[in-house]
């Protein structure tokens, strides 16, 4: 079955997030395993498990917690993805980018994506 991003799927996911938190994030942060602890610094935080948000993929990578944290960080309203999804996990590009669209619908006009990369020495 192919996942289709539509105004309806985005609205359903955004409505579920709003049901849990009245905060309207201005900044979206996509935290990989190296930045996941940043979500612990969010004040007035509401943590929403990905599996409870309609149409959200579920993170399968170890160290990616799989929760959206909405609250305030350094005085700014934020939505922090604690863990993310990858194309190599079998998700489509539509699914991988869906959370960004939802956070934009929630009010985030700025997105920061963090990634830890490793390099092997031969």
C-alpha atoms as a PDB file:
ATOM      1  CA  UNK A   1       0.000   0.000   0.000  1.00  0.00           C
ATOM      2  CA  UNK A   2       1.359   3.393  -1.001  1.00  0.00           C
ATOM      3  CA  UNK A   3       1.341   6.227   1.512  1.00  0.00           C
ATOM      4  CA  UNK A   4      -0.023   9.468   0.139  1.00  0.00           C
ATOM      5  CA  UNK A   5       0.605  12.801   1.795  1.00  0.00           C
ATOM      6  CA  UNK A   6      -2.526  14.906   1.573  1.00  0.00           C
ATOM      7  CA  UNK A   7      -4.033  17.850   3.397  1.00  0.00           C
ATOM      8  CA  UNK A   8      -6.255  15.314   5.178  1.00  0.00           C
ATOM      9  CA  UNK A   9      -3.395  13.143   6.495  1.00  0.00           C
ATOM     10  CA  UNK A  10      -1.405  16.207   7.567  1.00  0.00           C
ATOM     11  CA  UNK A  11      -4.442  17.733   9.301  1.00  0.00           C
ATOM     12  CA  UNK A  12      -5.215  14.482  11.147  1.00  0.00           C
ATOM     13  CA  UNK A  13      -1.673  14.217  12.493  1.00  0.00           C
ATOM     14  CA  UNK A  14      -1.534  17.911  13.443  1.00  0.00           C
ATOM     15  CA  UNK A  15      -4.904  17.662  15.221  1.00  0.00           C
ATOM     16  CA  UNK A  16      -3.637  14.777  17.357  1.00  0.00           C
ATOM     17  CA  UNK A  17      -0.551  16.776  18.362  1.00  0.00           C
ATOM     18  CA  UNK A  18      -2.724  19.803  19.205  1.00  0.00           C
ATOM     19  CA  UNK A  19      -4.963  17.545  21.309  1.00  0.00           C
ATOM     20  CA  UNK A  20      -1.951  16.851  23.535  1.00  0.00           C
ATOM     21  CA  UNK A  21      -0.383  20.331  23.608  1.00  0.00           C
ATOM     22  CA  UNK A  22      -1.659  23.874  23.049  1.00  0.00           C
ATOM     23  CA  UNK A  23       1.869  25.083  22.232  1.00  0.00           C
ATOM     24  CA  UNK A  24       2.282  26.225  18.634  1.00  0.00           C
ATOM     25  CA  UNK A  25       5.922  25.506  17.754  1.00  0.00           C
ATOM     26  CA  UNK A  26       7.857  28.076  15.741  1.00  0.00           C
ATOM     27  CA  UNK A  27      10.928  25.839  15.418  1.00  0.00           C
ATOM     28  CA  UNK A  28      11.085  22.168  14.436  1.00  0.00           C
ATOM     29  CA  UNK A  29      14.145  20.171  15.467  1.00  0.00           C
ATOM     30  CA  UNK A  30      14.800  16.745  13.980  1.00  0.00           C
ATOM     31  CA  UNK A  31      17.147  15.119  16.465  1.00  0.00           C
ATOM     32  CA  UNK A  32      19.176  12.075  15.558  1.00  0.00           C
ATOM     33  CA  UNK A  33      20.735   9.831  18.166  1.00  0.00           C
ATOM     34  CA  UNK A  34      23.429  12.403  19.009  1.00  0.00           C
ATOM     35  CA  UNK A  35      20.987  15.218  19.770  1.00  0.00           C
ATOM     36  CA  UNK A  36      18.137  13.209  21.288  1.00  0.00           C
ATOM     37  CA  UNK A  37      19.000  14.332  24.848  1.00  0.00           C
ATOM     38  CA  UNK A  38      18.222  17.926  23.780  1.00  0.00           C
ATOM     39  CA  UNK A  39      14.560  17.020  24.175  1.00  0.00           C
ATOM     40  CA  UNK A  40      15.222  16.630  27.907  1.00  0.00           C
ATOM     41  CA  UNK A  41      15.896  20.378  28.035  1.00  0.00           C
ATOM     42  CA  UNK A  42      12.455  21.297  26.669  1.00  0.00           C
ATOM     43  CA  UNK A  43      10.346  23.045  29.327  1.00  0.00           C
ATOM     44  CA  UNK A  44       6.597  22.566  29.729  1.00  0.00           C
ATOM     45  CA  UNK A  45       7.174  19.517  27.568  1.00  0.00           C
ATOM     46  CA  UNK A  46       4.538  17.181  26.240  1.00  0.00           C
ATOM     47  CA  UNK A  47       5.940  13.951  24.803  1.00  0.00           C
ATOM     48  CA  UNK A  48       3.788  12.202  22.194  1.00  0.00           C
ATOM     49  CA  UNK A  49       4.760   8.720  21.014  1.00  0.00           C
ATOM     50  CA  UNK A  50       4.962   8.492  17.224  1.00  0.00           C
ATOM     51  CA  UNK A  51       2.719   5.424  17.142  1.00  0.00           C
ATOM     52  CA  UNK A  52      -0.142   7.504  18.591  1.00  0.00           C
ATOM     53  CA  UNK A  53       0.054  10.187  15.879  1.00  0.00           C
ATOM     54  CA  UNK A  54      -1.986   9.236  12.784  1.00  0.00           C
ATOM     55  CA  UNK A  55       0.129   8.393   9.722  1.00  0.00           C
ATOM     56  CA  UNK A  56       3.472   8.907  11.529  1.00  0.00           C
ATOM     57  CA  UNK A  57       6.077   6.244  10.784  1.00  0.00           C
ATOM     58  CA  UNK A  58       7.669   4.457  13.721  1.00  0.00           C
ATOM     59  CA  UNK A  59      11.428   4.720  14.155  1.00  0.00           C
ATOM     60  CA  UNK A  60      13.178   1.334  14.000  1.00  0.00           C
ATOM     61  CA  UNK A  61      16.762   2.516  14.545  1.00  0.00           C
ATOM     62  CA  UNK A  62      18.293   1.770  17.932  1.00  0.00           C
ATOM     63  CA  UNK A  63      18.761   4.978  19.900  1.00  0.00           C
ATOM     64  CA  UNK A  64      15.909   6.795  18.148  1.00  0.00           C
ATOM     65  CA  UNK A  65      13.225   7.005  20.821  1.00  0.00           C
ATOM     66  CA  UNK A  66      10.227   7.637  18.591  1.00  0.00           C
ATOM     67  CA  UNK A  67       8.484  10.595  20.233  1.00  0.00           C
ATOM     68  CA  UNK A  68       7.565  14.148  19.363  1.00  0.00           C
ATOM     69  CA  UNK A  69       8.312  16.573  22.199  1.00  0.00           C
ATOM     70  CA  UNK A  70       6.444  19.881  22.148  1.00  0.00           C
ATOM     71  CA  UNK A  71       7.310  22.676  24.564  1.00  0.00           C
ATOM     72  CA  UNK A  72       9.684  25.609  25.040  1.00  0.00           C
ATOM     73  CA  UNK A  73      13.444  25.661  24.560  1.00  0.00           C
ATOM     74  CA  UNK A  74      15.447  28.799  25.335  1.00  0.00           C
ATOM     75  CA  UNK A  75      12.195  30.735  25.426  1.00  0.00           C
ATOM     76  CA  UNK A  76      11.052  29.555  21.992  1.00  0.00           C
ATOM     77  CA  UNK A  77       8.150  27.205  21.264  1.00  0.00           C
ATOM     78  CA  UNK A  78       9.564  24.058  19.653  1.00  0.00           C
ATOM     79  CA  UNK A  79       8.656  20.622  18.359  1.00  0.00           C
ATOM     80  CA  UNK A  80      11.545  18.169  18.757  1.00  0.00           C
ATOM     81  CA  UNK A  81      11.516  14.853  16.942  1.00  0.00           C
ATOM     82  CA  UNK A  82      13.231  12.434  19.281  1.00  0.00           C
ATOM     83  CA  UNK A  83      14.343   9.986  16.619  1.00  0.00           C
ATOM     84  CA  UNK A  84      13.646  10.045  12.929  1.00  0.00           C
ATOM     85  CA  UNK A  85      12.934   7.757   9.995  1.00  0.00           C
ATOM     86  CA  UNK A  86      15.083   6.681   7.099  1.00  0.00           C
ATOM     87  CA  UNK A  87      14.550   5.568   3.547  1.00  0.00           C
ATOM     88  CA  UNK A  88      16.800   2.561   4.228  1.00  0.00           C
ATOM     89  CA  UNK A  89      14.328   1.377   6.886  1.00  0.00           C
ATOM     90  CA  UNK A  90      11.866   0.732   4.085  1.00  0.00           C
ATOM     91  CA  UNK A  91       9.901   3.963   4.335  1.00  0.00           C
ATOM     92  CA  UNK A  92       9.029   5.962   1.238  1.00  0.00           C
ATOM     93  CA  UNK A  93      10.286   9.509   0.832  1.00  0.00           C
ATOM     94  CA  UNK A  94       6.674  10.626   1.399  1.00  0.00           C
ATOM     95  CA  UNK A  95       6.711   8.899   4.809  1.00  0.00           C
ATOM     96  CA  UNK A  96      10.189  10.133   5.751  1.00  0.00           C
ATOM     97  CA  UNK A  97       9.230  13.761   5.099  1.00  0.00           C
ATOM     98  CA  UNK A  98       5.691  13.579   6.494  1.00  0.00           C
ATOM     99  CA  UNK A  99       6.627  14.766  10.025  1.00  0.00           C
ATOM    100  CA  UNK A 100       8.224  17.921   8.598  1.00  0.00           C
ATOM    101  CA  UNK A 101       4.962  18.747   6.853  1.00  0.00           C
ATOM    102  CA  UNK A 102       3.036  18.149  10.075  1.00  0.00           C
ATOM    103  CA  UNK A 103       5.364  20.379  12.112  1.00  0.00           C
ATOM    104  CA  UNK A 104       4.965  23.084   9.470  1.00  0.00           C
ATOM    105  CA  UNK A 105       1.172  22.736   9.776  1.00  0.00           C
ATOM    106  CA  UNK A 106       1.577  23.181  13.537  1.00  0.00           C
ATOM    107  CA  UNK A 107       3.298  26.533  12.944  1.00  0.00           C
ATOM    108  CA  UNK A 108       7.010  25.753  12.650  1.00  0.00           C
ATOM    109  CA  UNK A 109       8.592  28.021  10.086  1.00  0.00           C
ATOM    110  CA  UNK A 110      12.162  26.962  10.769  1.00  0.00           C
ATOM    111  CA  UNK A 111      13.508  23.397  10.742  1.00  0.00           C
ATOM    112  CA  UNK A 112      16.841  22.195  12.109  1.00  0.00           C
ATOM    113  CA  UNK A 113      17.956  18.676  11.243  1.00  0.00           C
ATOM    114  CA  UNK A 114      20.808  17.050  13.156  1.00  0.00           C
ATOM    115  CA  UNK A 115      22.780  14.053  12.010  1.00  0.00           C
ATOM    116  CA  UNK A 116      25.687  12.134  13.443  1.00  0.00           C
ATOM    117  CA  UNK A 117      27.968  10.692  10.814  1.00  0.00           C
ATOM    118  CA  UNK A 118      30.715   8.198  11.292  1.00  0.00           C
ATOM    119  CA  UNK A 119      33.716   7.611   9.143  1.00  0.00           C
ATOM    120  CA  UNK A 120      35.704   4.413   8.910  1.00  0.00           C
ATOM    121  CA  UNK A 121      39.463   4.369   8.610  1.00  0.00           C
ATOM    122  CA  UNK A 122      40.736   1.558   6.328  1.00  0.00           C
END
